[in-house]
């Protein structure tokens, strides 16, 4: 089971890294184009709104990439000094709390996106659904990674400190 979860997590990671690359490249190009047109005295009205929407996506999709790469900030001072049983309990509690939080964000993020289908952007007139969909998608991607991390934690034997989310280790 861990093998399949790892494969799913790895596939999601590759997809989200490319997705993030496209988002960052798009924002970069839009910023350069915006500066150019502003310099010649013909500002684009839609440029800033589109960049803002893409930056929202960078935040949510980037959070999934950072979770997989264990790049989120973490304060490990106390947990690394705990006795092994307490440390294991703390890690499990942390993982389950994150999974529960991601489930709530996934459900309510999708509900929010669904309601936003009728709401349009002020300049581009595109449904805000597409912007708000980044939140549940990012949560779903993080949930795939957290499921893999959680099941892997229960299946693997060894030093519990390897399973901290900011540790940079893989199962």
C-alpha atoms as a PDB file:
ATOM      1  CA  UNK A   1       0.000   0.000   0.000  1.00  0.00           C
ATOM      2  CA  UNK A   2       2.819   2.406   0.863  1.00  0.00           C
ATOM      3  CA  UNK A   3       4.332   1.725  -2.549  1.00  0.00           C
ATOM      4  CA  UNK A   4       1.145   2.851  -4.330  1.00  0.00           C
ATOM      5  CA  UNK A   5       0.740   5.869  -2.075  1.00  0.00           C
ATOM      6  CA  UNK A   6       4.348   6.826  -2.828  1.00  0.00           C
ATOM      7  CA  UNK A   7       3.684   6.510  -6.561  1.00  0.00           C
ATOM      8  CA  UNK A   8       0.558   8.663  -6.271  1.00  0.00           C
ATOM      9  CA  UNK A   9       2.437  11.222  -4.180  1.00  0.00           C
ATOM     10  CA  UNK A  10       5.329  11.272  -6.647  1.00  0.00           C
ATOM     11  CA  UNK A  11       2.997  11.717  -9.632  1.00  0.00           C
ATOM     12  CA  UNK A  12       1.154  14.557  -7.890  1.00  0.00           C
ATOM     13  CA  UNK A  13       4.523  16.111  -7.062  1.00  0.00           C
ATOM     14  CA  UNK A  14       5.724  16.048 -10.676  1.00  0.00           C
ATOM     15  CA  UNK A  15       2.423  17.474 -11.930  1.00  0.00           C
ATOM     16  CA  UNK A  16       2.363  20.247  -9.317  1.00  0.00           C
ATOM     17  CA  UNK A  17       5.993  21.198  -9.973  1.00  0.00           C
ATOM     18  CA  UNK A  18       5.234  21.641 -13.679  1.00  0.00           C
ATOM     19  CA  UNK A  19       2.014  23.463 -12.857  1.00  0.00           C
ATOM     20  CA  UNK A  20       3.968  25.774 -10.577  1.00  0.00           C
ATOM     21  CA  UNK A  21       6.594  26.303 -13.287  1.00  0.00           C
ATOM     22  CA  UNK A  22       3.890  27.368 -15.754  1.00  0.00           C
ATOM     23  CA  UNK A  23       2.355  29.710 -13.174  1.00  0.00           C
ATOM     24  CA  UNK A  24       5.689  31.351 -12.312  1.00  0.00           C
ATOM     25  CA  UNK A  25       6.675  31.650 -15.972  1.00  0.00           C
ATOM     26  CA  UNK A  26       3.279  33.191 -16.766  1.00  0.00           C
ATOM     27  CA  UNK A  27       3.568  35.770 -13.994  1.00  0.00           C
ATOM     28  CA  UNK A  28       7.088  36.633 -15.108  1.00  0.00           C
ATOM     29  CA  UNK A  29       6.035  37.121 -18.723  1.00  0.00           C
ATOM     30  CA  UNK A  30       2.939  39.094 -17.712  1.00  0.00           C
ATOM     31  CA  UNK A  31       5.036  41.359 -15.475  1.00  0.00           C
ATOM     32  CA  UNK A  32       7.537  42.052 -18.265  1.00  0.00           C
ATOM     33  CA  UNK A  33       4.748  42.705 -20.781  1.00  0.00           C
ATOM     34  CA  UNK A  34       2.974  44.950 -18.273  1.00  0.00           C
ATOM     35  CA  UNK A  35       6.101  46.999 -17.624  1.00  0.00           C
ATOM     36  CA  UNK A  36       6.776  47.310 -21.349  1.00  0.00           C
ATOM     37  CA  UNK A  37       3.274  48.555 -22.147  1.00  0.00           C
ATOM     38  CA  UNK A  38       3.297  50.907 -19.181  1.00  0.00           C
ATOM     39  CA  UNK A  39       6.661  52.308 -20.360  1.00  0.00           C
ATOM     40  CA  UNK A  40       5.234  53.147 -23.782  1.00  0.00           C
ATOM     41  CA  UNK A  41       2.210  54.781 -22.158  1.00  0.00           C
ATOM     42  CA  UNK A  42      -0.372  52.113 -22.950  1.00  0.00           C
ATOM     43  CA  UNK A  43      -1.056  50.189 -19.718  1.00  0.00           C
ATOM     44  CA  UNK A  44      -2.936  46.918 -20.007  1.00  0.00           C
ATOM     45  CA  UNK A  45      -6.100  46.860 -17.927  1.00  0.00           C
ATOM     46  CA  UNK A  46      -6.305  43.079 -17.519  1.00  0.00           C
ATOM     47  CA  UNK A  47      -2.645  42.349 -16.757  1.00  0.00           C
ATOM     48  CA  UNK A  48      -2.636  43.002 -13.014  1.00  0.00           C
ATOM     49  CA  UNK A  49      -5.833  41.070 -12.371  1.00  0.00           C
ATOM     50  CA  UNK A  50      -4.547  38.001 -14.194  1.00  0.00           C
ATOM     51  CA  UNK A  51      -1.200  38.175 -12.372  1.00  0.00           C
ATOM     52  CA  UNK A  52      -3.005  38.452  -9.028  1.00  0.00           C
ATOM     53  CA  UNK A  53      -5.073  35.360  -9.841  1.00  0.00           C
ATOM     54  CA  UNK A  54      -2.011  33.375 -10.863  1.00  0.00           C
ATOM     55  CA  UNK A  55      -0.159  34.440  -7.707  1.00  0.00           C
ATOM     56  CA  UNK A  56      -3.037  33.008  -5.665  1.00  0.00           C
ATOM     57  CA  UNK A  57      -2.522  29.718  -7.496  1.00  0.00           C
ATOM     58  CA  UNK A  58       1.215  29.851  -6.844  1.00  0.00           C
ATOM     59  CA  UNK A  59       0.500  30.050  -3.116  1.00  0.00           C
ATOM     60  CA  UNK A  60      -1.829  27.057  -2.971  1.00  0.00           C
ATOM     61  CA  UNK A  61      -0.117  24.798  -5.502  1.00  0.00           C
ATOM     62  CA  UNK A  62       3.294  25.810  -4.136  1.00  0.00           C
ATOM     63  CA  UNK A  63       2.197  24.730  -0.657  1.00  0.00           C
ATOM     64  CA  UNK A  64       1.690  21.195  -1.995  1.00  0.00           C
ATOM     65  CA  UNK A  65       5.150  21.189  -3.584  1.00  0.00           C
ATOM     66  CA  UNK A  66       6.706  22.485  -0.366  1.00  0.00           C
ATOM     67  CA  UNK A  67       4.918  19.822   1.688  1.00  0.00           C
ATOM     68  CA  UNK A  68       6.220  16.994  -0.496  1.00  0.00           C
ATOM     69  CA  UNK A  69       9.748  18.412  -0.364  1.00  0.00           C
ATOM     70  CA  UNK A  70       9.347  19.051   3.377  1.00  0.00           C
ATOM     71  CA  UNK A  71      10.225  22.676   2.891  1.00  0.00           C
ATOM     72  CA  UNK A  72       7.614  24.124   5.219  1.00  0.00           C
ATOM     73  CA  UNK A  73       9.002  25.862   8.239  1.00  0.00           C
ATOM     74  CA  UNK A  74       8.955  23.812  11.419  1.00  0.00           C
ATOM     75  CA  UNK A  75      10.024  24.279  14.993  1.00  0.00           C
ATOM     76  CA  UNK A  76      11.597  20.995  15.989  1.00  0.00           C
ATOM     77  CA  UNK A  77      13.363  22.117  19.137  1.00  0.00           C
ATOM     78  CA  UNK A  78      10.916  20.440  21.528  1.00  0.00           C
ATOM     79  CA  UNK A  79       9.854  17.432  19.507  1.00  0.00           C
ATOM     80  CA  UNK A  80      13.414  16.248  18.851  1.00  0.00           C
ATOM     81  CA  UNK A  81      14.089  16.301  22.596  1.00  0.00           C
ATOM     82  CA  UNK A  82      11.015  14.271  23.571  1.00  0.00           C
ATOM     83  CA  UNK A  83      11.148  10.678  24.685  1.00  0.00           C
ATOM     84  CA  UNK A  84      10.483   8.311  21.740  1.00  0.00           C
ATOM     85  CA  UNK A  85       6.905   7.356  22.735  1.00  0.00           C
ATOM     86  CA  UNK A  86       5.853  10.958  23.314  1.00  0.00           C
ATOM     87  CA  UNK A  87       7.581  12.026  20.088  1.00  0.00           C
ATOM     88  CA  UNK A  88       5.767   9.304  18.131  1.00  0.00           C
ATOM     89  CA  UNK A  89       2.434  10.347  19.665  1.00  0.00           C
ATOM     90  CA  UNK A  90       3.150  14.005  18.859  1.00  0.00           C
ATOM     91  CA  UNK A  91       4.014  13.214  15.244  1.00  0.00           C
ATOM     92  CA  UNK A  92       0.863  11.103  14.828  1.00  0.00           C
ATOM     93  CA  UNK A  93      -1.265  13.821  16.421  1.00  0.00           C
ATOM     94  CA  UNK A  94       0.317  16.425  14.144  1.00  0.00           C
ATOM     95  CA  UNK A  95      -0.215  14.324  11.005  1.00  0.00           C
ATOM     96  CA  UNK A  96      -3.845  13.573  11.856  1.00  0.00           C
ATOM     97  CA  UNK A  97      -4.518  17.229  12.671  1.00  0.00           C
ATOM     98  CA  UNK A  98      -3.084  18.278   9.310  1.00  0.00           C
ATOM     99  CA  UNK A  99      -5.139  15.630   7.480  1.00  0.00           C
ATOM    100  CA  UNK A 100      -8.324  16.768   9.246  1.00  0.00           C
ATOM    101  CA  UNK A 101      -7.549  20.412   8.451  1.00  0.00           C
ATOM    102  CA  UNK A 102      -6.896  19.597   4.782  1.00  0.00           C
ATOM    103  CA  UNK A 103     -10.183  17.692   4.543  1.00  0.00           C
ATOM    104  CA  UNK A 104     -12.077  20.684   5.938  1.00  0.00           C
ATOM    105  CA  UNK A 105     -10.273  23.074   3.568  1.00  0.00           C
ATOM    106  CA  UNK A 106     -10.915  20.741   0.632  1.00  0.00           C
ATOM    107  CA  UNK A 107     -14.649  20.524   1.333  1.00  0.00           C
ATOM    108  CA  UNK A 108     -15.257  24.177   2.144  1.00  0.00           C
ATOM    109  CA  UNK A 109     -12.792  25.380  -0.487  1.00  0.00           C
ATOM    110  CA  UNK A 110     -14.747  23.536  -3.143  1.00  0.00           C
ATOM    111  CA  UNK A 111     -18.042  24.885  -1.793  1.00  0.00           C
ATOM    112  CA  UNK A 112     -16.587  28.391  -1.947  1.00  0.00           C
ATOM    113  CA  UNK A 113     -15.366  27.847  -5.505  1.00  0.00           C
ATOM    114  CA  UNK A 114     -18.735  26.448  -6.537  1.00  0.00           C
ATOM    115  CA  UNK A 115     -20.557  29.510  -5.195  1.00  0.00           C
ATOM    116  CA  UNK A 116     -18.055  31.753  -7.008  1.00  0.00           C
ATOM    117  CA  UNK A 117     -19.121  30.354 -10.380  1.00  0.00           C
ATOM    118  CA  UNK A 118     -21.654  33.195 -10.655  1.00  0.00           C
ATOM    119  CA  UNK A 119     -19.120  35.832  -9.590  1.00  0.00           C
ATOM    120  CA  UNK A 120     -16.985  37.333 -12.370  1.00  0.00           C
ATOM    121  CA  UNK A 121     -13.652  39.122 -12.265  1.00  0.00           C
ATOM    122  CA  UNK A 122     -13.960  42.899 -12.425  1.00  0.00           C
ATOM    123  CA  UNK A 123     -11.894  43.275 -15.603  1.00  0.00           C
ATOM    124  CA  UNK A 124     -11.526  39.874 -17.262  1.00  0.00           C
ATOM    125  CA  UNK A 125     -15.126  38.794 -16.593  1.00  0.00           C
ATOM    126  CA  UNK A 126     -13.965  35.206 -16.037  1.00  0.00           C
ATOM    127  CA  UNK A 127     -15.806  33.216 -13.347  1.00  0.00           C
ATOM    128  CA  UNK A 128     -14.000  33.434 -10.004  1.00  0.00           C
ATOM    129  CA  UNK A 129     -14.552  29.676  -9.773  1.00  0.00           C
ATOM    130  CA  UNK A 130     -11.295  29.141 -11.644  1.00  0.00           C
ATOM    131  CA  UNK A 131      -9.353  31.295  -9.197  1.00  0.00           C
ATOM    132  CA  UNK A 132     -10.937  29.800  -6.089  1.00  0.00           C
ATOM    133  CA  UNK A 133     -10.470  26.257  -7.393  1.00  0.00           C
ATOM    134  CA  UNK A 134      -6.764  26.568  -6.544  1.00  0.00           C
ATOM    135  CA  UNK A 135      -7.572  26.223  -2.821  1.00  0.00           C
ATOM    136  CA  UNK A 136      -9.317  22.828  -2.922  1.00  0.00           C
ATOM    137  CA  UNK A 137      -6.866  21.550  -5.543  1.00  0.00           C
ATOM    138  CA  UNK A 138      -3.881  22.545  -3.415  1.00  0.00           C
ATOM    139  CA  UNK A 139      -5.554  20.912  -0.413  1.00  0.00           C
ATOM    140  CA  UNK A 140      -6.232  17.741  -2.387  1.00  0.00           C
ATOM    141  CA  UNK A 141      -2.608  17.538  -3.508  1.00  0.00           C
ATOM    142  CA  UNK A 142      -1.396  18.082   0.065  1.00  0.00           C
ATOM    143  CA  UNK A 143      -3.847  15.440   1.272  1.00  0.00           C
ATOM    144  CA  UNK A 144      -2.301  12.909  -1.131  1.00  0.00           C
ATOM    145  CA  UNK A 145       1.152  13.677   0.291  1.00  0.00           C
ATOM    146  CA  UNK A 146      -0.061  13.593   3.908  1.00  0.00           C
ATOM    147  CA  UNK A 147      -1.799  10.249   3.354  1.00  0.00           C
ATOM    148  CA  UNK A 148       1.468   8.836   2.071  1.00  0.00           C
ATOM    149  CA  UNK A 149       3.451  10.358   4.955  1.00  0.00           C
ATOM    150  CA  UNK A 150       0.968   9.124   7.570  1.00  0.00           C
ATOM    151  CA  UNK A 151       0.705   5.552   6.281  1.00  0.00           C
ATOM    152  CA  UNK A 152       4.472   5.490   5.746  1.00  0.00           C
ATOM    153  CA  UNK A 153       5.013   6.597   9.336  1.00  0.00           C
ATOM    154  CA  UNK A 154       2.959   3.675  10.638  1.00  0.00           C
ATOM    155  CA  UNK A 155       4.627   1.138   8.324  1.00  0.00           C
ATOM    156  CA  UNK A 156       8.266   2.185   8.681  1.00  0.00           C
ATOM    157  CA  UNK A 157      10.475   1.377  11.620  1.00  0.00           C
ATOM    158  CA  UNK A 158      13.311   3.589  12.715  1.00  0.00           C
ATOM    159  CA  UNK A 159      14.031   6.984  14.138  1.00  0.00           C
ATOM    160  CA  UNK A 160      10.823   9.015  14.522  1.00  0.00           C
ATOM    161  CA  UNK A 161      12.722  12.231  13.868  1.00  0.00           C
ATOM    162  CA  UNK A 162      12.986  11.240  10.201  1.00  0.00           C
ATOM    163  CA  UNK A 163       9.258  11.832   9.823  1.00  0.00           C
ATOM    164  CA  UNK A 164       9.112  15.490  10.764  1.00  0.00           C
ATOM    165  CA  UNK A 165       7.554  17.490   7.938  1.00  0.00           C
ATOM    166  CA  UNK A 166      10.364  20.015   7.826  1.00  0.00           C
ATOM    167  CA  UNK A 167      13.151  17.437   7.900  1.00  0.00           C
ATOM    168  CA  UNK A 168      13.780  16.981   4.196  1.00  0.00           C
ATOM    169  CA  UNK A 169      13.765  13.182   4.466  1.00  0.00           C
ATOM    170  CA  UNK A 170      11.757  10.785   2.327  1.00  0.00           C
ATOM    171  CA  UNK A 171      10.374   7.367   3.239  1.00  0.00           C
END
